[in-house]
Amino acid sequence: MTVSGVFSAGFLLAGAFFFLAGTVGILRFPDIFTRLHAVTKADNLGLGLVTVSLMLEAPSYAAALDLAIVWLLVLLWSSVAAQLVARDALDRGEVPWRGA
């Protein structure tokens, strides 16, 4: 296994860990706002790490650049989608969780 393959596997495992953490947050957190926070933070970082892993194994610089552009677009649109979901929840009268 090459050095880039070892780093790629490490980034892939770290990304999978953050995806798992985001999923646990969705299942365990009490309201839509905390769930949105978990999914946008953890999943965006997980996707970034998986993207880096794929970029290390990409056949060309153009393919690696395509992956980076896709990740940046997902970052942009996931924040827009989270904002829209949170705004709709507020408009429907959802109250943010204030703690125990």
Protein backbone atom coordinates (compact mmCIF):
# COMPACT_ATOMS: atom_id res chain seq x y z
CA MET A 1 0.00 0.00 0.00
CA THR A 2 1.33 3.42 -0.94
CA VAL A 3 1.69 6.42 1.35
CA SER A 4 -1.16 8.19 -0.43
CA GLY A 5 -3.28 5.07 -0.01
CA VAL A 6 -2.66 5.07 3.75
CA PHE A 7 -3.55 8.76 4.02
CA SER A 8 -6.58 8.21 1.80
CA ALA A 9 -7.81 5.38 4.03
CA GLY A 10 -7.25 7.55 7.12
CA PHE A 11 -9.24 10.44 5.68
CA LEU A 12 -11.98 8.04 4.59
CA LEU A 13 -12.28 6.53 8.06
CA ALA A 14 -12.29 9.98 9.69
CA GLY A 15 -15.02 11.08 7.28
CA ALA A 16 -17.07 7.99 8.08
CA PHE A 17 -16.70 8.79 11.79
CA PHE A 18 -18.10 12.29 11.29
CA PHE A 19 -20.98 10.95 9.18
CA LEU A 20 -21.76 8.54 12.01
CA ALA A 21 -21.58 11.37 14.56
CA GLY A 22 -24.02 13.44 12.48
CA THR A 23 -26.39 10.52 12.24
CA VAL A 24 -26.27 9.98 16.00
CA GLY A 25 -27.01 13.70 16.44
CA ILE A 26 -30.08 13.45 14.23
CA LEU A 27 -31.37 10.50 16.22
CA ARG A 28 -30.56 11.79 19.70
CA PHE A 29 -31.01 15.57 19.72
CA PRO A 30 -34.32 16.95 21.03
CA ASP A 31 -35.51 19.40 18.38
CA ILE A 32 -35.16 20.33 14.74
CA PHE A 33 -32.68 23.14 15.36
CA THR A 34 -30.14 21.03 17.25
CA ARG A 35 -30.60 18.25 14.70
CA LEU A 36 -29.90 20.68 11.87
CA HIS A 37 -26.77 21.83 13.64
CA ALA A 38 -25.54 18.25 14.00
CA VAL A 39 -26.21 17.31 10.43
CA THR A 40 -24.78 20.45 8.83
CA LYS A 41 -21.59 20.53 10.89
CA ALA A 42 -20.71 16.86 11.11
CA ASP A 43 -21.82 15.83 7.64
CA ASN A 44 -20.07 18.75 5.92
CA LEU A 45 -16.83 17.89 7.70
CA GLY A 46 -17.33 14.20 6.93
CA LEU A 47 -17.92 14.98 3.27
CA GLY A 48 -14.82 17.18 3.22
CA LEU A 49 -12.67 14.37 4.62
CA VAL A 50 -14.12 11.83 2.19
CA THR A 51 -13.51 14.29 -0.64
CA VAL A 52 -9.87 14.72 0.40
CA SER A 53 -9.58 10.93 0.45
CA LEU A 54 -10.97 10.72 -3.07
CA MET A 55 -8.79 13.60 -4.25
CA LEU A 56 -5.67 11.71 -3.11
CA GLU A 57 -6.72 8.78 -5.29
CA ALA A 58 -7.96 10.87 -8.25
CA PRO A 59 -6.45 9.98 -11.63
CA SER A 60 -5.78 13.62 -12.56
CA TYR A 61 -5.68 17.14 -11.17
CA ALA A 62 -8.83 17.95 -13.14
CA ALA A 63 -10.73 15.15 -11.41
CA ALA A 64 -9.46 16.33 -8.01
CA LEU A 65 -10.56 19.87 -8.84
CA ASP A 66 -14.00 18.58 -9.84
CA LEU A 67 -14.31 16.87 -6.47
CA ALA A 68 -13.32 20.06 -4.64
CA ILE A 69 -15.87 22.08 -6.60
CA VAL A 70 -18.62 19.59 -5.80
CA TRP A 71 -17.72 19.74 -2.10
CA LEU A 72 -17.80 23.56 -2.13
CA LEU A 73 -21.19 23.52 -3.83
CA VAL A 74 -22.53 21.07 -1.25
CA LEU A 75 -21.21 23.36 1.53
CA LEU A 76 -23.01 26.30 -0.01
CA TRP A 77 -26.31 24.58 -0.66
CA SER A 78 -26.46 22.64 2.60
CA SER A 79 -26.21 25.88 4.55
CA VAL A 80 -28.97 27.40 2.40
CA ALA A 81 -31.15 24.31 2.89
CA ALA A 82 -30.57 24.32 6.66
CA GLN A 83 -31.51 28.00 6.80
CA LEU A 84 -34.72 27.34 4.87
CA VAL A 85 -35.68 24.41 7.09
CA ALA A 86 -34.98 26.39 10.27
CA ARG A 87 -36.91 29.41 8.99
CA ASP A 88 -39.88 27.21 8.12
CA ALA A 89 -39.76 25.59 11.57
CA LEU A 90 -39.79 29.02 13.21
CA ASP A 91 -42.67 30.13 10.99
CA ARG A 92 -44.64 27.02 12.04
CA GLY A 93 -44.14 27.95 15.68
CA GLU A 94 -41.40 25.53 16.67
CA VAL A 95 -39.61 26.74 19.78
CA PRO A 96 -35.84 26.14 20.06
CA TRP A 97 -34.81 23.81 22.86
CA ARG A 98 -33.51 25.75 25.89
CA GLY A 99 -32.08 22.88 27.93
CA ALA A 100 -33.30 20.73 30.74
